[in-house]
Amino acid sequence: MLSEILRSKPFENILKLSILLIAISLPFKLLKLHFVLYVMTLILLYGYLGQCWNILYGYAGQLSFGHAAFLGMGAYVSTILLLRFGITPWVGMLVSGAACALFALIIGFPLLRLKGAYFALATLGMAEVVRLIVLRLDFITGGGRGLLLPVVTSPRLFLFGDIWHWFLIALGMLIFLLAVSYKIEGSRLGMGFKAIKQDEEASSSVGVDVFKYKIIALLLTAFFTGIGGTFYAQLVGYIRPDTILTPERSDEIVVVAVIGGTGTLWGPLIGSTILLSIRQLIYSLLGGSYAGVHLIVYGILIILIVTFAPEGLCLTLKRKILGIAEGARSPGKLS
């Protein structure tokens, strides 16, 4: 059964996934198990954010450790628009995405001239610069105090009393991004990304505009991550630089994609399911007694994946499952 699903078309899989997840969530909604739905919402959100990062690295080969900058910027832009101008986050999230894309365009010209580890380190510095700017602009951003969203229930303000509504929106965001990613994979744009990832110099020698494709990948990842930042802010209800603009946020986005498999459609969601389940289990068992334990677990997971499944769990499991299915279909040897 699973092998047949793996063979079917991605759009069919995306539709099946959405129906399956909604069906799974309904019993938890009826039983009012809000914590379980909250964890499922976080899994979908980080699956979405991991896929955002996957566009830049998994497809175009540009390693970033600074996606917290786009996440935080998206959260702050939409929240400031809501608190100061009364603009609904439904509009604010698009403005946030556009603001992040504009920021990516500005920083992309110097940063994308760098390659490999130098680019990765530059993105790490970019995230730190954004954090310091947010702290300095305390008259707008609230500085270290952060910003508190209205404590009301209002669909117009993207604030719901039932976590199931958050779950459905997170699912919709993920499904849309998966569909976009699939279209990118099979397009000329996707082929350009893959060529650059394989060998930039060889791609340039055959006429590929390497810088153009890099900047497009950066704009796409920034835009969608900014939208994710708005969702994160509305879900949590309170944003602060030391909770959203931190290396830990960037690391989590990277790890979910690496564990699941970079350059794959389903990898970030698989990684998110594993990572967030483990994180919430640790929080439930240990509470705040052992702060940072989950980071140790992240490190161990990365070591295990790099050692035993360097392509990520998605491709490794797919090959094993399809291999077993092929073995079951092939006739046995004559003795």
C-alpha atoms as a PDB file:
ATOM      1  CA  MET A   1       0.000   0.000   0.000  1.00  0.00           C
ATOM      2  CA  LEU A   2       2.734   2.468   1.009  1.00  0.00           C
ATOM      3  CA  SER A   3       4.789   1.639  -2.080  1.00  0.00           C
ATOM      4  CA  GLU A   4       1.782   2.440  -4.290  1.00  0.00           C
ATOM      5  CA  ILE A   5       1.387   5.805  -2.572  1.00  0.00           C
ATOM      6  CA  LEU A   6       5.067   6.539  -3.164  1.00  0.00           C
ATOM      7  CA  ARG A   7       4.609   5.737  -6.858  1.00  0.00           C
ATOM      8  CA  SER A   8       1.530   7.939  -7.299  1.00  0.00           C
ATOM      9  CA  LYS A   9       1.624  11.534  -8.485  1.00  0.00           C
ATOM     10  CA  PRO A  10       2.663  14.195  -5.923  1.00  0.00           C
ATOM     11  CA  PHE A  11      -0.544  16.215  -6.388  1.00  0.00           C
ATOM     12  CA  GLU A  12      -2.542  13.098  -5.553  1.00  0.00           C
ATOM     13  CA  ASN A  13      -0.356  12.544  -2.488  1.00  0.00           C
ATOM     14  CA  ILE A  14      -0.841  16.152  -1.375  1.00  0.00           C
ATOM     15  CA  LEU A  15      -4.622  15.767  -1.612  1.00  0.00           C
ATOM     16  CA  LYS A  16      -4.516  12.436   0.233  1.00  0.00           C
ATOM     17  CA  LEU A  17      -2.324  13.967   2.935  1.00  0.00           C
ATOM     18  CA  SER A  18      -4.714  16.868   3.550  1.00  0.00           C
ATOM     19  CA  ILE A  19      -7.733  14.549   3.801  1.00  0.00           C
ATOM     20  CA  LEU A  20      -5.844  12.154   6.081  1.00  0.00           C
ATOM     21  CA  LEU A  21      -4.639  14.875   8.454  1.00  0.00           C
ATOM     22  CA  ILE A  22      -8.093  16.436   8.715  1.00  0.00           C
ATOM     23  CA  ALA A  23      -9.561  13.000   9.471  1.00  0.00           C
ATOM     24  CA  ILE A  24      -6.909  12.392  12.153  1.00  0.00           C
ATOM     25  CA  SER A  25      -7.515  15.796  13.741  1.00  0.00           C
ATOM     26  CA  LEU A  26     -11.316  15.451  14.030  1.00  0.00           C
ATOM     27  CA  PRO A  27     -11.330  12.985  16.989  1.00  0.00           C
ATOM     28  CA  PHE A  28      -8.947  15.265  18.907  1.00  0.00           C
ATOM     29  CA  LYS A  29     -11.225  18.222  18.195  1.00  0.00           C
ATOM     30  CA  LEU A  30     -14.314  16.331  19.355  1.00  0.00           C
ATOM     31  CA  LEU A  31     -12.534  15.112  22.500  1.00  0.00           C
ATOM     32  CA  LYS A  32     -11.192  18.643  23.089  1.00  0.00           C
ATOM     33  CA  LEU A  33      -7.580  17.428  23.247  1.00  0.00           C
ATOM     34  CA  HIS A  34      -6.261  20.888  22.491  1.00  0.00           C
ATOM     35  CA  PHE A  35      -2.632  20.121  23.360  1.00  0.00           C
ATOM     36  CA  VAL A  36      -2.457  17.337  20.766  1.00  0.00           C
ATOM     37  CA  LEU A  37      -3.906  19.660  18.120  1.00  0.00           C
ATOM     38  CA  TYR A  38      -1.419  22.346  19.170  1.00  0.00           C
ATOM     39  CA  VAL A  39       1.488  19.940  18.662  1.00  0.00           C
ATOM     40  CA  MET A  40       0.070  18.884  15.291  1.00  0.00           C
ATOM     41  CA  THR A  41      -0.185  22.563  14.317  1.00  0.00           C
ATOM     42  CA  LEU A  42       3.453  23.128  15.268  1.00  0.00           C
ATOM     43  CA  ILE A  43       4.466  20.088  13.215  1.00  0.00           C
ATOM     44  CA  LEU A  44       2.701  21.531  10.174  1.00  0.00           C
ATOM     45  CA  LEU A  45       4.210  24.977  10.780  1.00  0.00           C
ATOM     46  CA  TYR A  46       7.776  23.667  11.031  1.00  0.00           C
ATOM     47  CA  GLY A  47       7.155  21.394   8.060  1.00  0.00           C
ATOM     48  CA  TYR A  48       6.164  24.551   6.177  1.00  0.00           C
ATOM     49  CA  LEU A  49       9.213  26.499   7.395  1.00  0.00           C
ATOM     50  CA  GLY A  50      11.497  23.582   6.590  1.00  0.00           C
ATOM     51  CA  GLN A  51      10.126  23.521   3.054  1.00  0.00           C
ATOM     52  CA  CYS A  52      10.759  27.274   2.798  1.00  0.00           C
ATOM     53  CA  TRP A  53      14.421  26.634   3.660  1.00  0.00           C
ATOM     54  CA  ASN A  54      14.438  23.632   1.338  1.00  0.00           C
ATOM     55  CA  ILE A  55      13.771  25.889  -1.652  1.00  0.00           C
ATOM     56  CA  LEU A  56      16.997  27.786  -1.001  1.00  0.00           C
ATOM     57  CA  TYR A  57      19.286  24.895  -0.052  1.00  0.00           C
ATOM     58  CA  GLY A  58      17.575  21.664  -1.073  1.00  0.00           C
ATOM     59  CA  TYR A  59      16.869  22.908  -4.607  1.00  0.00           C
ATOM     60  CA  ALA A  60      19.362  25.736  -5.214  1.00  0.00           C
ATOM     61  CA  GLY A  61      22.192  24.584  -2.933  1.00  0.00           C
ATOM     62  CA  GLN A  62      22.613  27.812  -0.934  1.00  0.00           C
ATOM     63  CA  LEU A  63      23.164  26.915   2.733  1.00  0.00           C
ATOM     64  CA  SER A  64      21.540  29.383   5.134  1.00  0.00           C
ATOM     65  CA  PHE A  65      21.724  29.534   8.919  1.00  0.00           C
ATOM     66  CA  GLY A  66      19.808  32.786   9.199  1.00  0.00           C
ATOM     67  CA  HIS A  67      16.178  32.029   8.431  1.00  0.00           C
ATOM     68  CA  ALA A  68      15.207  33.328  11.863  1.00  0.00           C
ATOM     69  CA  ALA A  69      15.734  36.799  10.334  1.00  0.00           C
ATOM     70  CA  PHE A  70      12.919  36.273   7.820  1.00  0.00           C
ATOM     71  CA  LEU A  71      10.742  34.527  10.396  1.00  0.00           C
ATOM     72  CA  GLY A  72      11.175  37.331  12.919  1.00  0.00           C
ATOM     73  CA  MET A  73      10.777  40.096  10.353  1.00  0.00           C
ATOM     74  CA  GLY A  74       7.531  38.559   9.133  1.00  0.00           C
ATOM     75  CA  ALA A  75       6.250  38.325  12.699  1.00  0.00           C
ATOM     76  CA  TYR A  76       7.173  41.910  13.585  1.00  0.00           C
ATOM     77  CA  VAL A  77       5.909  43.545  10.378  1.00  0.00           C
ATOM     78  CA  SER A  78       2.412  42.044  10.591  1.00  0.00           C
ATOM     79  CA  THR A  79       2.178  42.593  14.352  1.00  0.00           C
ATOM     80  CA  ILE A  80       3.198  46.260  14.090  1.00  0.00           C
ATOM     81  CA  LEU A  81       0.723  46.779  11.255  1.00  0.00           C
ATOM     82  CA  LEU A  82      -2.015  45.274  13.432  1.00  0.00           C
ATOM     83  CA  LEU A  83      -1.206  47.119  16.668  1.00  0.00           C
ATOM     84  CA  ARG A  84      -0.426  50.534  15.185  1.00  0.00           C
ATOM     85  CA  PHE A  85      -2.638  50.737  12.105  1.00  0.00           C
ATOM     86  CA  GLY A  86      -5.315  48.111  12.709  1.00  0.00           C
ATOM     87  CA  ILE A  87      -4.446  46.227   9.514  1.00  0.00           C
ATOM     88  CA  THR A  88      -5.714  42.675   9.642  1.00  0.00           C
ATOM     89  CA  PRO A  89      -2.965  40.004   9.638  1.00  0.00           C
ATOM     90  CA  TRP A  90      -4.670  38.397   6.630  1.00  0.00           C
ATOM     91  CA  VAL A  91      -3.327  41.380   4.710  1.00  0.00           C
ATOM     92  CA  GLY A  92      -0.342  41.826   7.017  1.00  0.00           C
ATOM     93  CA  MET A  93       1.009  38.371   6.213  1.00  0.00           C
ATOM     94  CA  LEU A  94       1.270  39.257   2.519  1.00  0.00           C
ATOM     95  CA  VAL A  95       2.900  42.567   3.398  1.00  0.00           C
ATOM     96  CA  SER A  96       5.286  40.682   5.686  1.00  0.00           C
ATOM     97  CA  GLY A  97       6.191  38.291   2.910  1.00  0.00           C
ATOM     98  CA  ALA A  98       6.773  41.171   0.518  1.00  0.00           C
ATOM     99  CA  ALA A  99       8.881  43.032   3.120  1.00  0.00           C
ATOM    100  CA  CYS A 100      11.018  39.946   3.679  1.00  0.00           C
ATOM    101  CA  ALA A 101      11.429  39.485  -0.073  1.00  0.00           C
ATOM    102  CA  LEU A 102      12.499  43.132  -0.435  1.00  0.00           C
ATOM    103  CA  PHE A 103      14.979  42.701   2.412  1.00  0.00           C
ATOM    104  CA  ALA A 104      16.284  39.521   0.750  1.00  0.00           C
ATOM    105  CA  LEU A 105      16.689  41.395  -2.544  1.00  0.00           C
ATOM    106  CA  ILE A 106      18.743  44.129  -0.856  1.00  0.00           C
ATOM    107  CA  ILE A 107      21.030  41.807   1.088  1.00  0.00           C
ATOM    108  CA  GLY A 108      21.116  39.259  -1.718  1.00  0.00           C
ATOM    109  CA  PHE A 109      23.369  41.329  -3.971  1.00  0.00           C
ATOM    110  CA  PRO A 110      26.353  41.268  -1.597  1.00  0.00           C
ATOM    111  CA  LEU A 111      25.597  37.948   0.145  1.00  0.00           C
ATOM    112  CA  LEU A 112      25.041  35.824  -2.956  1.00  0.00           C
ATOM    113  CA  ARG A 113      28.476  36.787  -4.253  1.00  0.00           C
ATOM    114  CA  LEU A 114      29.766  34.554  -1.465  1.00  0.00           C
ATOM    115  CA  LYS A 115      29.908  30.786  -1.777  1.00  0.00           C
ATOM    116  CA  GLY A 116      29.714  27.764   0.499  1.00  0.00           C
ATOM    117  CA  ALA A 117      30.627  28.297   4.135  1.00  0.00           C
ATOM    118  CA  TYR A 118      31.145  32.034   3.611  1.00  0.00           C
ATOM    119  CA  PHE A 119      27.542  32.483   2.514  1.00  0.00           C
ATOM    120  CA  ALA A 120      26.314  30.353   5.433  1.00  0.00           C
ATOM    121  CA  LEU A 121      28.274  32.448   7.940  1.00  0.00           C
ATOM    122  CA  ALA A 122      27.031  35.654   6.330  1.00  0.00           C
ATOM    123  CA  THR A 123      23.400  34.559   6.765  1.00  0.00           C
ATOM    124  CA  LEU A 124      24.114  33.813  10.419  1.00  0.00           C
ATOM    125  CA  GLY A 125      25.450  37.335  10.821  1.00  0.00           C
ATOM    126  CA  MET A 126      22.427  38.721   8.946  1.00  0.00           C
ATOM    127  CA  ALA A 127      20.064  37.191  11.514  1.00  0.00           C
ATOM    128  CA  GLU A 128      22.069  38.678  14.368  1.00  0.00           C
ATOM    129  CA  VAL A 129      22.001  42.125  12.741  1.00  0.00           C
ATOM    130  CA  VAL A 130      18.204  41.943  12.425  1.00  0.00           C
ATOM    131  CA  ARG A 131      17.939  40.960  16.102  1.00  0.00           C
ATOM    132  CA  LEU A 132      20.075  43.921  17.202  1.00  0.00           C
ATOM    133  CA  ILE A 133      18.083  46.333  15.033  1.00  0.00           C
ATOM    134  CA  VAL A 134      14.831  45.102  16.588  1.00  0.00           C
ATOM    135  CA  LEU A 135      16.314  45.663  20.057  1.00  0.00           C
ATOM    136  CA  ARG A 136      17.450  49.187  19.156  1.00  0.00           C
ATOM    137  CA  LEU A 137      14.123  50.219  17.633  1.00  0.00           C
ATOM    138  CA  ASP A 138      12.338  49.687  20.914  1.00  0.00           C
ATOM    139  CA  PHE A 139       9.944  52.602  20.299  1.00  0.00           C
ATOM    140  CA  ILE A 140       8.490  50.568  17.414  1.00  0.00           C
ATOM    141  CA  THR A 141       9.268  46.948  18.235  1.00  0.00           C
ATOM    142  CA  GLY A 142       9.058  47.059  22.021  1.00  0.00           C
ATOM    143  CA  GLY A 143      12.744  46.165  22.281  1.00  0.00           C
ATOM    144  CA  GLY A 144      13.502  43.392  24.730  1.00  0.00           C
ATOM    145  CA  ARG A 145       9.951  43.581  26.107  1.00  0.00           C
ATOM    146  CA  GLY A 146       8.502  42.461  22.807  1.00  0.00           C
ATOM    147  CA  LEU A 147       4.967  42.931  21.528  1.00  0.00           C
ATOM    148  CA  LEU A 148       1.762  41.444  22.890  1.00  0.00           C
ATOM    149  CA  LEU A 149      -1.052  40.729  20.466  1.00  0.00           C
ATOM    150  CA  PRO A 150      -4.687  41.437  21.407  1.00  0.00           C
ATOM    151  CA  VAL A 151      -6.174  38.807  23.712  1.00  0.00           C
ATOM    152  CA  VAL A 152      -9.464  38.449  21.857  1.00  0.00           C
ATOM    153  CA  THR A 153     -11.207  35.982  19.592  1.00  0.00           C
ATOM    154  CA  SER A 154     -11.636  37.519  16.173  1.00  0.00           C
ATOM    155  CA  PRO A 155     -11.318  35.705  12.834  1.00  0.00           C
ATOM    156  CA  ARG A 156     -10.780  39.089  11.167  1.00  0.00           C
ATOM    157  CA  LEU A 157      -7.727  39.612  13.374  1.00  0.00           C
ATOM    158  CA  PHE A 158      -6.465  36.075  12.691  1.00  0.00           C
ATOM    159  CA  LEU A 159      -7.209  35.133  16.311  1.00  0.00           C
ATOM    160  CA  PHE A 160      -9.278  32.033  17.036  1.00  0.00           C
ATOM    161  CA  GLY A 161     -10.671  30.455  20.167  1.00  0.00           C
ATOM    162  CA  ASP A 162     -10.338  26.929  18.824  1.00  0.00           C
ATOM    163  CA  ILE A 163      -6.860  25.549  18.031  1.00  0.00           C
ATOM    164  CA  TRP A 164      -8.410  23.439  15.270  1.00  0.00           C
ATOM    165  CA  HIS A 165      -8.787  26.571  13.146  1.00  0.00           C
ATOM    166  CA  TRP A 166      -5.054  27.208  13.505  1.00  0.00           C
ATOM    167  CA  PHE A 167      -4.437  23.616  12.481  1.00  0.00           C
ATOM    168  CA  LEU A 168      -6.507  24.025   9.304  1.00  0.00           C
ATOM    169  CA  ILE A 169      -4.719  27.235   8.322  1.00  0.00           C
ATOM    170  CA  ALA A 170      -1.289  25.679   8.935  1.00  0.00           C
ATOM    171  CA  LEU A 171      -2.357  22.704   6.827  1.00  0.00           C
ATOM    172  CA  GLY A 172      -3.539  25.021   4.047  1.00  0.00           C
ATOM    173  CA  MET A 173      -0.231  26.913   4.091  1.00  0.00           C
ATOM    174  CA  LEU A 174       1.761  23.688   3.925  1.00  0.00           C
ATOM    175  CA  ILE A 175      -0.361  22.188   1.152  1.00  0.00           C
ATOM    176  CA  PHE A 176      -0.036  25.363  -0.932  1.00  0.00           C
ATOM    177  CA  LEU A 177       3.755  25.476  -0.471  1.00  0.00           C
ATOM    178  CA  LEU A 178       4.093  21.777  -1.333  1.00  0.00           C
ATOM    179  CA  ALA A 179       2.143  22.396  -4.546  1.00  0.00           C
ATOM    180  CA  VAL A 180       4.370  25.387  -5.385  1.00  0.00           C
ATOM    181  CA  SER A 181       7.510  23.364  -4.631  1.00  0.00           C
ATOM    182  CA  TYR A 182       6.326  20.528  -6.847  1.00  0.00           C
ATOM    183  CA  LYS A 183       5.695  22.951  -9.726  1.00  0.00           C
ATOM    184  CA  ILE A 184       9.169  24.414  -9.194  1.00  0.00           C
ATOM    185  CA  GLU A 185      10.766  20.943  -9.296  1.00  0.00           C
ATOM    186  CA  GLY A 186       9.414  20.204 -12.757  1.00  0.00           C
ATOM    187  CA  SER A 187       9.904  23.680 -14.231  1.00  0.00           C
ATOM    188  CA  ARG A 188      12.780  25.367 -16.003  1.00  0.00           C
ATOM    189  CA  LEU A 189      13.360  27.310 -12.788  1.00  0.00           C
ATOM    190  CA  GLY A 190      13.767  24.051 -10.867  1.00  0.00           C
ATOM    191  CA  MET A 191      16.213  22.700 -13.448  1.00  0.00           C
ATOM    192  CA  GLY A 192      18.233  25.885 -13.086  1.00  0.00           C
ATOM    193  CA  PHE A 193      18.261  25.473  -9.306  1.00  0.00           C
ATOM    194  CA  LYS A 194      19.445  21.864  -9.600  1.00  0.00           C
ATOM    195  CA  ALA A 195      22.181  22.797 -12.059  1.00  0.00           C
ATOM    196  CA  ILE A 196      23.503  25.466  -9.696  1.00  0.00           C
ATOM    197  CA  LYS A 197      23.431  23.038  -6.777  1.00  0.00           C
ATOM    198  CA  GLN A 198      25.447  20.480  -8.730  1.00  0.00           C
ATOM    199  CA  ASP A 199      28.106  22.845 -10.073  1.00  0.00           C
ATOM    200  CA  GLU A 200      27.866  26.625 -10.314  1.00  0.00           C
ATOM    201  CA  GLU A 201      30.823  27.058 -12.646  1.00  0.00           C
ATOM    202  CA  ALA A 202      29.657  24.362 -15.052  1.00  0.00           C
ATOM    203  CA  SER A 203      26.144  25.853 -15.039  1.00  0.00           C
ATOM    204  CA  SER A 204      27.495  29.297 -15.824  1.00  0.00           C
ATOM    205  CA  SER A 205      29.615  27.911 -18.670  1.00  0.00           C
ATOM    206  CA  VAL A 206      26.518  26.527 -20.434  1.00  0.00           C
ATOM    207  CA  GLY A 207      24.578  29.775 -20.201  1.00  0.00           C
ATOM    208  CA  VAL A 208      22.746  29.520 -16.859  1.00  0.00           C
ATOM    209  CA  ASP A 209      22.425  32.922 -15.176  1.00  0.00           C
ATOM    210  CA  VAL A 210      23.623  31.690 -11.799  1.00  0.00           C
ATOM    211  CA  PHE A 211      23.080  34.929  -9.880  1.00  0.00           C
ATOM    212  CA  LYS A 212      19.542  35.367 -11.233  1.00  0.00           C
ATOM    213  CA  TYR A 213      18.510  31.894 -10.133  1.00  0.00           C
ATOM    214  CA  LYS A 214      20.133  32.379  -6.725  1.00  0.00           C
ATOM    215  CA  ILE A 215      18.298  35.643  -6.117  1.00  0.00           C
ATOM    216  CA  ILE A 216      14.974  34.076  -7.171  1.00  0.00           C
ATOM    217  CA  ALA A 217      15.525  31.218  -4.714  1.00  0.00           C
ATOM    218  CA  LEU A 218      16.338  33.724  -1.949  1.00  0.00           C
ATOM    219  CA  LEU A 219      13.256  35.831  -2.739  1.00  0.00           C
ATOM    220  CA  LEU A 220      10.977  32.789  -2.687  1.00  0.00           C
ATOM    221  CA  THR A 221      12.328  31.448   0.589  1.00  0.00           C
ATOM    222  CA  ALA A 222      12.146  34.898   2.220  1.00  0.00           C
ATOM    223  CA  PHE A 223       8.582  35.565   1.039  1.00  0.00           C
ATOM    224  CA  PHE A 224       7.150  32.283   2.277  1.00  0.00           C
ATOM    225  CA  THR A 225       9.137  32.368   5.537  1.00  0.00           C
ATOM    226  CA  GLY A 226       7.797  35.875   6.225  1.00  0.00           C
ATOM    227  CA  ILE A 227       4.254  34.546   5.881  1.00  0.00           C
ATOM    228  CA  GLY A 228       5.190  31.775   8.318  1.00  0.00           C
ATOM    229  CA  GLY A 229       6.438  34.442  10.731  1.00  0.00           C
ATOM    230  CA  THR A 230       3.007  36.081  10.737  1.00  0.00           C
ATOM    231  CA  PHE A 231       1.338  32.767  11.498  1.00  0.00           C
ATOM    232  CA  TYR A 232       3.841  32.098  14.302  1.00  0.00           C
ATOM    233  CA  ALA A 233       3.197  35.512  15.889  1.00  0.00           C
ATOM    234  CA  GLN A 234      -0.579  35.101  15.774  1.00  0.00           C
ATOM    235  CA  LEU A 235      -0.414  31.556  17.133  1.00  0.00           C
ATOM    236  CA  VAL A 236       1.892  32.385  20.049  1.00  0.00           C
ATOM    237  CA  GLY A 237       0.350  35.801  20.744  1.00  0.00           C
ATOM    238  CA  TYR A 238       3.600  37.330  21.980  1.00  0.00           C
ATOM    239  CA  ILE A 239       6.869  37.972  20.145  1.00  0.00           C
ATOM    240  CA  ARG A 240      10.221  38.900  21.599  1.00  0.00           C
ATOM    241  CA  PRO A 241      13.713  38.980  20.019  1.00  0.00           C
ATOM    242  CA  ASP A 242      15.083  36.315  22.367  1.00  0.00           C
ATOM    243  CA  THR A 243      12.338  33.865  21.399  1.00  0.00           C
ATOM    244  CA  ILE A 244      12.007  34.313  17.634  1.00  0.00           C
ATOM    245  CA  LEU A 245      15.197  36.015  16.401  1.00  0.00           C
ATOM    246  CA  THR A 246      17.569  33.404  17.786  1.00  0.00           C
ATOM    247  CA  PRO A 247      19.981  30.855  16.268  1.00  0.00           C
ATOM    248  CA  GLU A 248      17.811  28.135  17.818  1.00  0.00           C
ATOM    249  CA  ARG A 249      14.887  29.069  15.531  1.00  0.00           C
ATOM    250  CA  SER A 250      17.160  28.921  12.496  1.00  0.00           C
ATOM    251  CA  ASP A 251      18.635  25.631  13.664  1.00  0.00           C
ATOM    252  CA  GLU A 252      15.219  24.028  14.059  1.00  0.00           C
ATOM    253  CA  ILE A 253      14.234  25.067  10.542  1.00  0.00           C
ATOM    254  CA  VAL A 254      17.461  23.585   9.165  1.00  0.00           C
ATOM    255  CA  VAL A 255      17.280  20.385  11.202  1.00  0.00           C
ATOM    256  CA  VAL A 256      13.730  19.425  10.162  1.00  0.00           C
ATOM    257  CA  ALA A 257      14.789  19.585   6.508  1.00  0.00           C
ATOM    258  CA  VAL A 258      18.100  17.778   7.032  1.00  0.00           C
ATOM    259  CA  ILE A 259      16.539  14.945   9.027  1.00  0.00           C
ATOM    260  CA  GLY A 260      13.729  14.435   6.534  1.00  0.00           C
ATOM    261  CA  GLY A 261      15.869  14.954   3.457  1.00  0.00           C
ATOM    262  CA  THR A 262      16.892  18.111   1.609  1.00  0.00           C
ATOM    263  CA  GLY A 263      15.783  18.524  -1.971  1.00  0.00           C
ATOM    264  CA  THR A 264      12.706  16.352  -1.407  1.00  0.00           C
ATOM    265  CA  LEU A 265       9.050  17.292  -1.301  1.00  0.00           C
ATOM    266  CA  TRP A 266       8.131  15.344   1.832  1.00  0.00           C
ATOM    267  CA  GLY A 267      11.420  15.497   3.748  1.00  0.00           C
ATOM    268  CA  PRO A 268      10.759  18.643   5.825  1.00  0.00           C
ATOM    269  CA  LEU A 269       7.353  17.350   6.978  1.00  0.00           C
ATOM    270  CA  ILE A 270       8.856  13.983   7.971  1.00  0.00           C
ATOM    271  CA  GLY A 271      11.655  15.754   9.845  1.00  0.00           C
ATOM    272  CA  SER A 272       9.203  18.123  11.513  1.00  0.00           C
ATOM    273  CA  THR A 273       7.035  15.238  12.699  1.00  0.00           C
ATOM    274  CA  ILE A 274      10.028  13.528  14.304  1.00  0.00           C
ATOM    275  CA  LEU A 275      11.681  16.642  15.714  1.00  0.00           C
ATOM    276  CA  LEU A 276       8.588  18.330  17.154  1.00  0.00           C
ATOM    277  CA  SER A 277       7.263  15.093  18.637  1.00  0.00           C
ATOM    278  CA  ILE A 278      10.564  14.534  20.428  1.00  0.00           C
ATOM    279  CA  ARG A 279      10.751  18.160  21.557  1.00  0.00           C
ATOM    280  CA  GLN A 280       7.261  18.190  23.017  1.00  0.00           C
ATOM    281  CA  LEU A 281       7.875  14.820  24.682  1.00  0.00           C
ATOM    282  CA  ILE A 282      11.001  16.198  26.354  1.00  0.00           C
ATOM    283  CA  TYR A 283       9.123  19.309  27.463  1.00  0.00           C
ATOM    284  CA  SER A 284       6.312  17.171  28.888  1.00  0.00           C
ATOM    285  CA  LEU A 285       8.647  14.835  30.781  1.00  0.00           C
ATOM    286  CA  LEU A 286      11.260  17.315  31.994  1.00  0.00           C
ATOM    287  CA  GLY A 287       9.470  20.658  31.893  1.00  0.00           C
ATOM    288  CA  GLY A 288      11.938  23.481  32.488  1.00  0.00           C
ATOM    289  CA  SER A 289      14.194  21.453  34.768  1.00  0.00           C
ATOM    290  CA  TYR A 290      16.777  20.705  32.118  1.00  0.00           C
ATOM    291  CA  ALA A 291      16.824  23.598  29.695  1.00  0.00           C
ATOM    292  CA  GLY A 292      18.559  22.859  26.427  1.00  0.00           C
ATOM    293  CA  VAL A 293      18.206  19.062  26.567  1.00  0.00           C
ATOM    294  CA  HIS A 294      16.249  19.106  23.319  1.00  0.00           C
ATOM    295  CA  LEU A 295      19.223  20.767  21.604  1.00  0.00           C
ATOM    296  CA  ILE A 296      21.407  17.838  22.635  1.00  0.00           C
ATOM    297  CA  VAL A 297      18.825  15.500  21.126  1.00  0.00           C
ATOM    298  CA  TYR A 298      18.866  17.556  17.902  1.00  0.00           C
ATOM    299  CA  GLY A 299      22.632  17.126  17.708  1.00  0.00           C
ATOM    300  CA  ILE A 300      22.418  13.373  18.259  1.00  0.00           C
ATOM    301  CA  LEU A 301      19.718  13.076  15.593  1.00  0.00           C
ATOM    302  CA  ILE A 302      21.825  14.942  13.039  1.00  0.00           C
ATOM    303  CA  ILE A 303      24.839  12.710  13.765  1.00  0.00           C
ATOM    304  CA  LEU A 304      22.719   9.575  13.322  1.00  0.00           C
ATOM    305  CA  ILE A 305      21.117  10.818  10.107  1.00  0.00           C
ATOM    306  CA  VAL A 306      24.423  11.918   8.573  1.00  0.00           C
ATOM    307  CA  THR A 307      25.967   8.566   9.512  1.00  0.00           C
ATOM    308  CA  PHE A 308      23.224   6.113   8.569  1.00  0.00           C
ATOM    309  CA  ALA A 309      20.946   8.056   6.171  1.00  0.00           C
ATOM    310  CA  PRO A 310      22.999  10.886   4.639  1.00  0.00           C
ATOM    311  CA  GLU A 311      20.290  11.598   2.052  1.00  0.00           C
ATOM    312  CA  GLY A 312      17.678  12.032   4.800  1.00  0.00           C
ATOM    313  CA  LEU A 313      14.895   9.757   5.934  1.00  0.00           C
ATOM    314  CA  CYS A 314      12.575  10.496   3.007  1.00  0.00           C
ATOM    315  CA  LEU A 315      14.810   9.103   0.249  1.00  0.00           C
ATOM    316  CA  THR A 316      16.227   6.345   2.449  1.00  0.00           C
ATOM    317  CA  LEU A 317      12.796   5.024   3.446  1.00  0.00           C
ATOM    318  CA  LYS A 318      11.443   5.433  -0.079  1.00  0.00           C
ATOM    319  CA  ARG A 319      14.222   3.328  -1.572  1.00  0.00           C
ATOM    320  CA  LYS A 320      13.899   0.638   1.064  1.00  0.00           C
ATOM    321  CA  ILE A 321      10.110   0.438   0.751  1.00  0.00           C
ATOM    322  CA  LEU A 322      10.159   0.405  -3.041  1.00  0.00           C
ATOM    323  CA  GLY A 323      13.012  -2.108  -2.969  1.00  0.00           C
ATOM    324  CA  ILE A 324      11.033  -4.437  -0.711  1.00  0.00           C
ATOM    325  CA  ALA A 325       7.970  -4.037  -2.942  1.00  0.00           C
ATOM    326  CA  GLU A 326      10.011  -4.877  -6.077  1.00  0.00           C
ATOM    327  CA  GLY A 327      11.503  -7.897  -4.301  1.00  0.00           C
ATOM    328  CA  ALA A 328       8.033  -9.135  -3.360  1.00  0.00           C
ATOM    329  CA  ARG A 329       6.828  -8.825  -6.970  1.00  0.00           C
ATOM    330  CA  SER A 330       9.839 -10.556  -8.586  1.00  0.00           C
ATOM    331  CA  PRO A 331       9.531 -14.337  -9.067  1.00  0.00           C
ATOM    332  CA  GLY A 332      11.580 -16.571  -6.803  1.00  0.00           C
ATOM    333  CA  LYS A 333      14.644 -18.312  -8.057  1.00  0.00           C
ATOM    334  CA  LEU A 334      14.355 -21.880  -9.321  1.00  0.00           C
ATOM    335  CA  SER A 335      16.243 -24.325  -7.134  1.00  0.00           C
END
